[in-house]
Amino acid sequence: MRGEPTQNRMKIEDFKAGVYWQQFRYKSFLPARVNLEWIWEDPRINVLLENAIRGLGELNAFSLIVPDVDLFIRMHIIK
């Protein structure tokens, strides 16, 4: 982290997803950059991230077991 500019770091508690920008006759949403190094002070975020990563790993493992994921999803949506 030495030598890197601090502008590439974002405190997650201060993050705003973007801003509404007034155009000619309408408003548009301009998303904020998310390709940043994230820092946080709340330790509960670590638990949430661990649970999310575990869930993604389970989903990935399940997708390897099911031969046709698209068909499997369609079968459950139709129910």
PDB file of N, CA and C in Angstrom:
ATOM      1  N   MET A   1       0.801  -1.181   0.000  1.00  0.00           N
ATOM      2  CA  MET A   1       0.000   0.000   0.000  1.00  0.00           C
ATOM      3  C   MET A   1       0.850   1.253   0.000  1.00  0.00           C
ATOM      4  N   ARG A   2       2.119   1.079   0.233  1.00  0.00           N
ATOM      5  CA  ARG A   2       2.998   2.240   0.176  1.00  0.00           C
ATOM      6  C   ARG A   2       3.147   2.695  -1.255  1.00  0.00           C
ATOM      7  N   GLY A   3       3.155   3.972  -1.421  1.00  0.00           N
ATOM      8  CA  GLY A   3       3.348   4.532  -2.747  1.00  0.00           C
ATOM      9  C   GLY A   3       2.063   4.613  -3.561  1.00  0.00           C
ATOM     10  N   GLU A   4       0.976   3.975  -3.081  1.00  0.00           N
ATOM     11  CA  GLU A   4      -0.287   4.052  -3.802  1.00  0.00           C
ATOM     12  C   GLU A   4      -1.051   5.282  -3.354  1.00  0.00           C
ATOM     13  N   PRO A   5      -1.724   5.925  -4.278  1.00  0.00           N
ATOM     14  CA  PRO A   5      -2.513   7.094  -3.885  1.00  0.00           C
ATOM     15  C   PRO A   5      -3.709   6.675  -3.032  1.00  0.00           C
ATOM     16  N   THR A   6      -4.074   7.503  -2.067  1.00  0.00           N
ATOM     17  CA  THR A   6      -5.191   7.184  -1.186  1.00  0.00           C
ATOM     18  C   THR A   6      -6.537   7.383  -1.875  1.00  0.00           C
ATOM     19  N   GLN A   7      -6.563   7.992  -3.041  1.00  0.00           N
ATOM     20  CA  GLN A   7      -7.826   8.216  -3.729  1.00  0.00           C
ATOM     21  C   GLN A   7      -8.435   6.916  -4.241  1.00  0.00           C
ATOM     22  N   ASN A   8      -7.690   5.833  -4.284  1.00  0.00           N
ATOM     23  CA  ASN A   8      -8.207   4.542  -4.722  1.00  0.00           C
ATOM     24  C   ASN A   8      -8.797   3.744  -3.573  1.00  0.00           C
ATOM     25  N   ARG A   9      -8.873   4.325  -2.391  1.00  0.00           N
ATOM     26  CA  ARG A   9      -9.438   3.656  -1.229  1.00  0.00           C
ATOM     27  C   ARG A   9     -10.770   4.310  -0.904  1.00  0.00           C
ATOM     28  N   MET A  10     -11.744   3.482  -0.524  1.00  0.00           N
ATOM     29  CA  MET A  10     -13.060   4.010  -0.185  1.00  0.00           C
ATOM     30  C   MET A  10     -13.526   3.378   1.112  1.00  0.00           C
ATOM     31  N   LYS A  11     -13.914   4.214   2.042  1.00  0.00           N
ATOM     32  CA  LYS A  11     -14.487   3.735   3.290  1.00  0.00           C
ATOM     33  C   LYS A  11     -15.932   3.331   2.992  1.00  0.00           C
ATOM     34  N   ILE A  12     -16.263   2.090   3.238  1.00  0.00           N
ATOM     35  CA  ILE A  12     -17.559   1.556   2.814  1.00  0.00           C
ATOM     36  C   ILE A  12     -18.727   2.272   3.503  1.00  0.00           C
ATOM     37  N   GLU A  13     -18.507   2.763   4.703  1.00  0.00           N
ATOM     38  CA  GLU A  13     -19.560   3.494   5.403  1.00  0.00           C
ATOM     39  C   GLU A  13     -19.907   4.815   4.721  1.00  0.00           C
ATOM     40  N   ASP A  14     -18.981   5.365   3.948  1.00  0.00           N
ATOM     41  CA  ASP A  14     -19.206   6.639   3.267  1.00  0.00           C
ATOM     42  C   ASP A  14     -19.634   6.475   1.816  1.00  0.00           C
ATOM     43  N   PHE A  15     -19.778   5.240   1.354  1.00  0.00           N
ATOM     44  CA  PHE A  15     -20.063   4.979  -0.059  1.00  0.00           C
ATOM     45  C   PHE A  15     -21.491   5.370  -0.427  1.00  0.00           C
ATOM     46  N   LYS A  16     -21.623   6.025  -1.573  1.00  0.00           N
ATOM     47  CA  LYS A  16     -22.926   6.316  -2.171  1.00  0.00           C
ATOM     48  C   LYS A  16     -22.914   5.678  -3.551  1.00  0.00           C
ATOM     49  N   ALA A  17     -23.980   4.969  -3.886  1.00  0.00           N
ATOM     50  CA  ALA A  17     -24.035   4.197  -5.127  1.00  0.00           C
ATOM     51  C   ALA A  17     -23.924   5.077  -6.361  1.00  0.00           C
ATOM     52  N   GLY A  18     -24.260   6.326  -6.256  1.00  0.00           N
ATOM     53  CA  GLY A  18     -24.177   7.228  -7.399  1.00  0.00           C
ATOM     54  C   GLY A  18     -24.999   8.475  -7.141  1.00  0.00           C
ATOM     55  N   VAL A  19     -25.194   9.237  -8.167  1.00  0.00           N
ATOM     56  CA  VAL A  19     -25.965  10.482  -8.059  1.00  0.00           C
ATOM     57  C   VAL A  19     -26.927  10.582  -9.237  1.00  0.00           C
ATOM     58  N   TYR A  20     -28.004  11.296  -9.006  1.00  0.00           N
ATOM     59  CA  TYR A  20     -28.911  11.604 -10.103  1.00  0.00           C
ATOM     60  C   TYR A  20     -28.416  12.875 -10.772  1.00  0.00           C
ATOM     61  N   TRP A  21     -28.339  12.858 -12.075  1.00  0.00           N
ATOM     62  CA  TRP A  21     -27.799  13.949 -12.863  1.00  0.00           C
ATOM     63  C   TRP A  21     -28.917  14.520 -13.721  1.00  0.00           C
ATOM     64  N   GLN A  22     -29.168  15.823 -13.608  1.00  0.00           N
ATOM     65  CA  GLN A  22     -30.223  16.452 -14.383  1.00  0.00           C
ATOM     66  C   GLN A  22     -29.783  16.598 -15.831  1.00  0.00           C
ATOM     67  N   GLN A  23     -30.514  15.972 -16.713  1.00  0.00           N
ATOM     68  CA  GLN A  23     -30.273  16.083 -18.145  1.00  0.00           C
ATOM     69  C   GLN A  23     -31.226  17.134 -18.700  1.00  0.00           C
ATOM     70  N   PHE A  24     -31.414  17.131 -19.984  1.00  0.00           N
ATOM     71  CA  PHE A  24     -32.263  18.140 -20.608  1.00  0.00           C
ATOM     72  C   PHE A  24     -33.671  18.134 -20.009  1.00  0.00           C
ATOM     73  N   ARG A  25     -34.418  17.051 -20.173  1.00  0.00           N
ATOM     74  CA  ARG A  25     -35.779  16.972 -19.632  1.00  0.00           C
ATOM     75  C   ARG A  25     -35.967  15.763 -18.729  1.00  0.00           C
ATOM     76  N   TYR A  26     -34.921  15.163 -18.315  1.00  0.00           N
ATOM     77  CA  TYR A  26     -35.017  13.964 -17.488  1.00  0.00           C
ATOM     78  C   TYR A  26     -33.815  13.898 -16.561  1.00  0.00           C
ATOM     79  N   LYS A  27     -33.920  13.031 -15.580  1.00  0.00           N
ATOM     80  CA  LYS A  27     -32.789  12.762 -14.691  1.00  0.00           C
ATOM     81  C   LYS A  27     -32.228  11.401 -15.046  1.00  0.00           C
ATOM     82  N   SER A  28     -30.928  11.297 -14.987  1.00  0.00           N
ATOM     83  CA  SER A  28     -30.283  10.004 -15.195  1.00  0.00           C
ATOM     84  C   SER A  28     -29.460   9.674 -13.952  1.00  0.00           C
ATOM     85  N   PHE A  29     -29.222   8.395 -13.774  1.00  0.00           N
ATOM     86  CA  PHE A  29     -28.429   7.940 -12.631  1.00  0.00           C
ATOM     87  C   PHE A  29     -27.013   7.673 -13.086  1.00  0.00           C
ATOM     88  N   LEU A  30     -26.060   8.312 -12.462  1.00  0.00           N
ATOM     89  CA  LEU A  30     -24.651   8.130 -12.763  1.00  0.00           C
ATOM     90  C   LEU A  30     -24.024   7.313 -11.633  1.00  0.00           C
ATOM     91  N   PRO A  31     -23.721   6.032 -11.880  1.00  0.00           N
ATOM     92  CA  PRO A  31     -23.175   5.198 -10.798  1.00  0.00           C
ATOM     93  C   PRO A  31     -21.766   5.624 -10.413  1.00  0.00           C
ATOM     94  N   ALA A  32     -21.437   5.369  -9.165  1.00  0.00           N
ATOM     95  CA  ALA A  32     -20.099   5.684  -8.651  1.00  0.00           C
ATOM     96  C   ALA A  32     -19.129   4.568  -9.028  1.00  0.00           C
ATOM     97  N   ARG A  33     -17.852   4.882  -9.027  1.00  0.00           N
ATOM     98  CA  ARG A  33     -16.823   3.862  -9.272  1.00  0.00           C
ATOM     99  C   ARG A  33     -16.844   2.850  -8.139  1.00  0.00           C
ATOM    100  N   VAL A  34     -16.714   1.590  -8.473  1.00  0.00           N
ATOM    101  CA  VAL A  34     -16.647   0.554  -7.441  1.00  0.00           C
ATOM    102  C   VAL A  34     -15.333  -0.214  -7.500  1.00  0.00           C
ATOM    103  N   ASN A  35     -14.512   0.095  -8.483  1.00  0.00           N
ATOM    104  CA  ASN A  35     -13.222  -0.578  -8.613  1.00  0.00           C
ATOM    105  C   ASN A  35     -12.212   0.126  -7.704  1.00  0.00           C
ATOM    106  N   LEU A  36     -12.438  -0.029  -6.403  1.00  0.00           N
ATOM    107  CA  LEU A  36     -11.620   0.640  -5.404  1.00  0.00           C
ATOM    108  C   LEU A  36     -11.168  -0.370  -4.357  1.00  0.00           C
ATOM    109  N   GLU A  37     -10.217   0.019  -3.560  1.00  0.00           N
ATOM    110  CA  GLU A  37      -9.848  -0.774  -2.395  1.00  0.00           C
ATOM    111  C   GLU A  37     -10.782  -0.346  -1.270  1.00  0.00           C
ATOM    112  N   TRP A  38     -11.558  -1.299  -0.754  1.00  0.00           N
ATOM    113  CA  TRP A  38     -12.562  -0.977   0.260  1.00  0.00           C
ATOM    114  C   TRP A  38     -11.987  -1.160   1.650  1.00  0.00           C
ATOM    115  N   ILE A  39     -12.297  -0.230   2.523  1.00  0.00           N
ATOM    116  CA  ILE A  39     -11.906  -0.332   3.930  1.00  0.00           C
ATOM    117  C   ILE A  39     -13.158  -0.119   4.776  1.00  0.00           C
ATOM    118  N   TRP A  40     -13.216  -0.739   5.952  1.00  0.00           N
ATOM    119  CA  TRP A  40     -14.347  -0.559   6.844  1.00  0.00           C
ATOM    120  C   TRP A  40     -13.900  -0.733   8.274  1.00  0.00           C
ATOM    121  N   GLU A  41     -14.693  -0.164   9.168  1.00  0.00           N
ATOM    122  CA  GLU A  41     -14.384  -0.227  10.591  1.00  0.00           C
ATOM    123  C   GLU A  41     -15.324  -1.174  11.340  1.00  0.00           C
ATOM    124  N   ASP A  42     -16.472  -1.484  10.764  1.00  0.00           N
ATOM    125  CA  ASP A  42     -17.470  -2.321  11.419  1.00  0.00           C
ATOM    126  C   ASP A  42     -17.123  -3.794  11.218  1.00  0.00           C
ATOM    127  N   PRO A  43     -16.814  -4.544  12.279  1.00  0.00           N
ATOM    128  CA  PRO A  43     -16.427  -5.949  12.122  1.00  0.00           C
ATOM    129  C   PRO A  43     -17.573  -6.837  11.633  1.00  0.00           C
ATOM    130  N   ARG A  44     -18.828  -6.373  11.730  1.00  0.00           N
ATOM    131  CA  ARG A  44     -19.955  -7.173  11.240  1.00  0.00           C
ATOM    132  C   ARG A  44     -19.897  -7.344   9.731  1.00  0.00           C
ATOM    133  N   ILE A  45     -19.241  -6.425   9.047  1.00  0.00           N
ATOM    134  CA  ILE A  45     -19.110  -6.535   7.599  1.00  0.00           C
ATOM    135  C   ILE A  45     -18.266  -7.755   7.235  1.00  0.00           C
ATOM    136  N   ASN A  46     -17.265  -8.078   8.046  1.00  0.00           N
ATOM    137  CA  ASN A  46     -16.458  -9.280   7.798  1.00  0.00           C
ATOM    138  C   ASN A  46     -17.323 -10.529   7.819  1.00  0.00           C
ATOM    139  N   VAL A  47     -18.243 -10.605   8.785  1.00  0.00           N
ATOM    140  CA  VAL A  47     -19.130 -11.772   8.887  1.00  0.00           C
ATOM    141  C   VAL A  47     -20.034 -11.841   7.664  1.00  0.00           C
ATOM    142  N   LEU A  48     -20.579 -10.714   7.250  1.00  0.00           N
ATOM    143  CA  LEU A  48     -21.443 -10.693   6.073  1.00  0.00           C
ATOM    144  C   LEU A  48     -20.683 -11.121   4.820  1.00  0.00           C
ATOM    145  N   LEU A  49     -19.462 -10.648   4.672  1.00  0.00           N
ATOM    146  CA  LEU A  49     -18.652 -11.034   3.515  1.00  0.00           C
ATOM    147  C   LEU A  49     -18.323 -12.526   3.536  1.00  0.00           C
ATOM    148  N   GLU A  50     -17.998 -13.057   4.716  1.00  0.00           N
ATOM    149  CA  GLU A  50     -17.705 -14.487   4.827  1.00  0.00           C
ATOM    150  C   GLU A  50     -18.919 -15.324   4.443  1.00  0.00           C
ATOM    151  N   ASN A  51     -20.112 -14.924   4.894  1.00  0.00           N
ATOM    152  CA  ASN A  51     -21.333 -15.651   4.548  1.00  0.00           C
ATOM    153  C   ASN A  51     -21.620 -15.568   3.048  1.00  0.00           C
ATOM    154  N   ALA A  52     -21.400 -14.403   2.467  1.00  0.00           N
ATOM    155  CA  ALA A  52     -21.633 -14.241   1.028  1.00  0.00           C
ATOM    156  C   ALA A  52     -20.662 -15.092   0.217  1.00  0.00           C
ATOM    157  N   ILE A  53     -19.408 -15.115   0.604  1.00  0.00           N
ATOM    158  CA  ILE A  53     -18.407 -15.909  -0.115  1.00  0.00           C
ATOM    159  C   ILE A  53     -18.723 -17.398   0.013  1.00  0.00           C
ATOM    160  N   ARG A  54     -19.142 -17.830   1.208  1.00  0.00           N
ATOM    161  CA  ARG A  54     -19.507 -19.231   1.395  1.00  0.00           C
ATOM    162  C   ARG A  54     -20.704 -19.583   0.517  1.00  0.00           C
ATOM    163  N   GLY A  55     -21.704 -18.710   0.470  1.00  0.00           N
ATOM    164  CA  GLY A  55     -22.878 -18.946  -0.375  1.00  0.00           C
ATOM    165  C   GLY A  55     -22.517 -19.031  -1.848  1.00  0.00           C
ATOM    166  N   LEU A  56     -21.629 -18.166  -2.303  1.00  0.00           N
ATOM    167  CA  LEU A  56     -21.184 -18.228  -3.697  1.00  0.00           C
ATOM    168  C   LEU A  56     -20.438 -19.527  -3.982  1.00  0.00           C
ATOM    169  N   GLY A  57     -19.641 -19.979  -3.022  1.00  0.00           N
ATOM    170  CA  GLY A  57     -18.929 -21.246  -3.187  1.00  0.00           C
ATOM    171  C   GLY A  57     -19.888 -22.421  -3.279  1.00  0.00           C
ATOM    172  N   GLU A  58     -20.943 -22.412  -2.450  1.00  0.00           N
ATOM    173  CA  GLU A  58     -21.945 -23.477  -2.504  1.00  0.00           C
ATOM    174  C   GLU A  58     -22.682 -23.456  -3.839  1.00  0.00           C
ATOM    175  N   LEU A  59     -23.013 -22.263  -4.295  1.00  0.00           N
ATOM    176  CA  LEU A  59     -23.692 -22.137  -5.580  1.00  0.00           C
ATOM    177  C   LEU A  59     -22.806 -22.631  -6.714  1.00  0.00           C
ATOM    178  N   ASN A  60     -21.536 -22.311  -6.667  1.00  0.00           N
ATOM    179  CA  ASN A  60     -20.597 -22.776  -7.683  1.00  0.00           C
ATOM    180  C   ASN A  60     -20.476 -24.298  -7.663  1.00  0.00           C
ATOM    181  N   ALA A  61     -20.383 -24.874  -6.480  1.00  0.00           N
ATOM    182  CA  ALA A  61     -20.295 -26.329  -6.370  1.00  0.00           C
ATOM    183  C   ALA A  61     -21.566 -26.985  -6.897  1.00  0.00           C
ATOM    184  N   PHE A  62     -22.716 -26.393  -6.594  1.00  0.00           N
ATOM    185  CA  PHE A  62     -23.983 -26.943  -7.062  1.00  0.00           C
ATOM    186  C   PHE A  62     -24.072 -26.881  -8.583  1.00  0.00           C
ATOM    187  N   SER A  63     -23.530 -25.808  -9.171  1.00  0.00           N
ATOM    188  CA  SER A  63     -23.581 -25.672 -10.630  1.00  0.00           C
ATOM    189  C   SER A  63     -22.712 -26.722 -11.319  1.00  0.00           C
ATOM    190  N   LEU A  64     -21.700 -27.238 -10.607  1.00  0.00           N
ATOM    191  CA  LEU A  64     -20.863 -28.298 -11.175  1.00  0.00           C
ATOM    192  C   LEU A  64     -21.564 -29.652 -11.121  1.00  0.00           C
ATOM    193  N   ILE A  65     -22.469 -29.826 -10.145  1.00  0.00           N
ATOM    194  CA  ILE A  65     -23.181 -31.092  -9.985  1.00  0.00           C
ATOM    195  C   ILE A  65     -24.336 -31.200 -10.980  1.00  0.00           C
ATOM    196  N   VAL A  66     -25.077 -30.117 -11.168  1.00  0.00           N
ATOM    197  CA  VAL A  66     -26.247 -30.124 -12.051  1.00  0.00           C
ATOM    198  C   VAL A  66     -25.755 -30.017 -13.492  1.00  0.00           C
ATOM    199  N   PRO A  67     -26.135 -30.975 -14.358  1.00  0.00           N
ATOM    200  CA  PRO A  67     -25.612 -30.960 -15.724  1.00  0.00           C
ATOM    201  C   PRO A  67     -26.100 -29.779 -16.561  1.00  0.00           C
ATOM    202  N   ASP A  68     -27.371 -29.382 -16.411  1.00  0.00           N
ATOM    203  CA  ASP A  68     -27.910 -28.265 -17.194  1.00  0.00           C
ATOM    204  C   ASP A  68     -28.556 -27.276 -16.233  1.00  0.00           C
ATOM    205  N   VAL A  69     -27.802 -26.281 -15.818  1.00  0.00           N
ATOM    206  CA  VAL A  69     -28.266 -25.322 -14.828  1.00  0.00           C
ATOM    207  C   VAL A  69     -29.476 -24.552 -15.339  1.00  0.00           C
ATOM    208  N   ASP A  70     -29.475 -24.159 -16.608  1.00  0.00           N
ATOM    209  CA  ASP A  70     -30.602 -23.393 -17.162  1.00  0.00           C
ATOM    210  C   ASP A  70     -31.900 -24.185 -17.076  1.00  0.00           C
ATOM    211  N   LEU A  71     -31.869 -25.462 -17.417  1.00  0.00           N
ATOM    212  CA  LEU A  71     -33.049 -26.311 -17.331  1.00  0.00           C
ATOM    213  C   LEU A  71     -33.498 -26.451 -15.883  1.00  0.00           C
ATOM    214  N   PHE A  72     -32.566 -26.631 -14.975  1.00  0.00           N
ATOM    215  CA  PHE A  72     -32.889 -26.763 -13.557  1.00  0.00           C
ATOM    216  C   PHE A  72     -33.591 -25.518 -13.038  1.00  0.00           C
ATOM    217  N   ILE A  73     -33.102 -24.357 -13.408  1.00  0.00           N
ATOM    218  CA  ILE A  73     -33.710 -23.096 -12.971  1.00  0.00           C
ATOM    219  C   ILE A  73     -35.104 -22.946 -13.563  1.00  0.00           C
ATOM    220  N   ARG A  74     -35.253 -23.258 -14.865  1.00  0.00           N
ATOM    221  CA  ARG A  74     -36.580 -23.155 -15.495  1.00  0.00           C
ATOM    222  C   ARG A  74     -37.588 -24.072 -14.813  1.00  0.00           C
ATOM    223  N   MET A  75     -37.173 -25.274 -14.428  1.00  0.00           N
ATOM    224  CA  MET A  75     -38.081 -26.206 -13.759  1.00  0.00           C
ATOM    225  C   MET A  75     -38.585 -25.632 -12.443  1.00  0.00           C
ATOM    226  N   HIS A  76     -37.741 -24.919 -11.734  1.00  0.00           N
ATOM    227  CA  HIS A  76     -38.155 -24.364 -10.439  1.00  0.00           C
ATOM    228  C   HIS A  76     -38.913 -23.058 -10.589  1.00  0.00           C
ATOM    229  N   ILE A  77     -38.723 -22.352 -11.651  1.00  0.00           N
ATOM    230  CA  ILE A  77     -39.479 -21.116 -11.872  1.00  0.00           C
ATOM    231  C   ILE A  77     -40.909 -21.462 -12.288  1.00  0.00           C
ATOM    232  N   ILE A  78     -41.081 -22.510 -13.053  1.00  0.00           N
ATOM    233  CA  ILE A  78     -42.411 -22.891 -13.517  1.00  0.00           C
ATOM    234  C   ILE A  78     -43.284 -23.354 -12.382  1.00  0.00           C
ATOM    235  N   LYS A  79     -42.703 -23.984 -11.348  1.00  0.00           N
ATOM    236  CA  LYS A  79     -43.503 -24.484 -10.220  1.00  0.00           C
ATOM    237  C   LYS A  79     -44.269 -23.400  -9.631  1.00  0.00           C
TER     238      LYS A  79
END
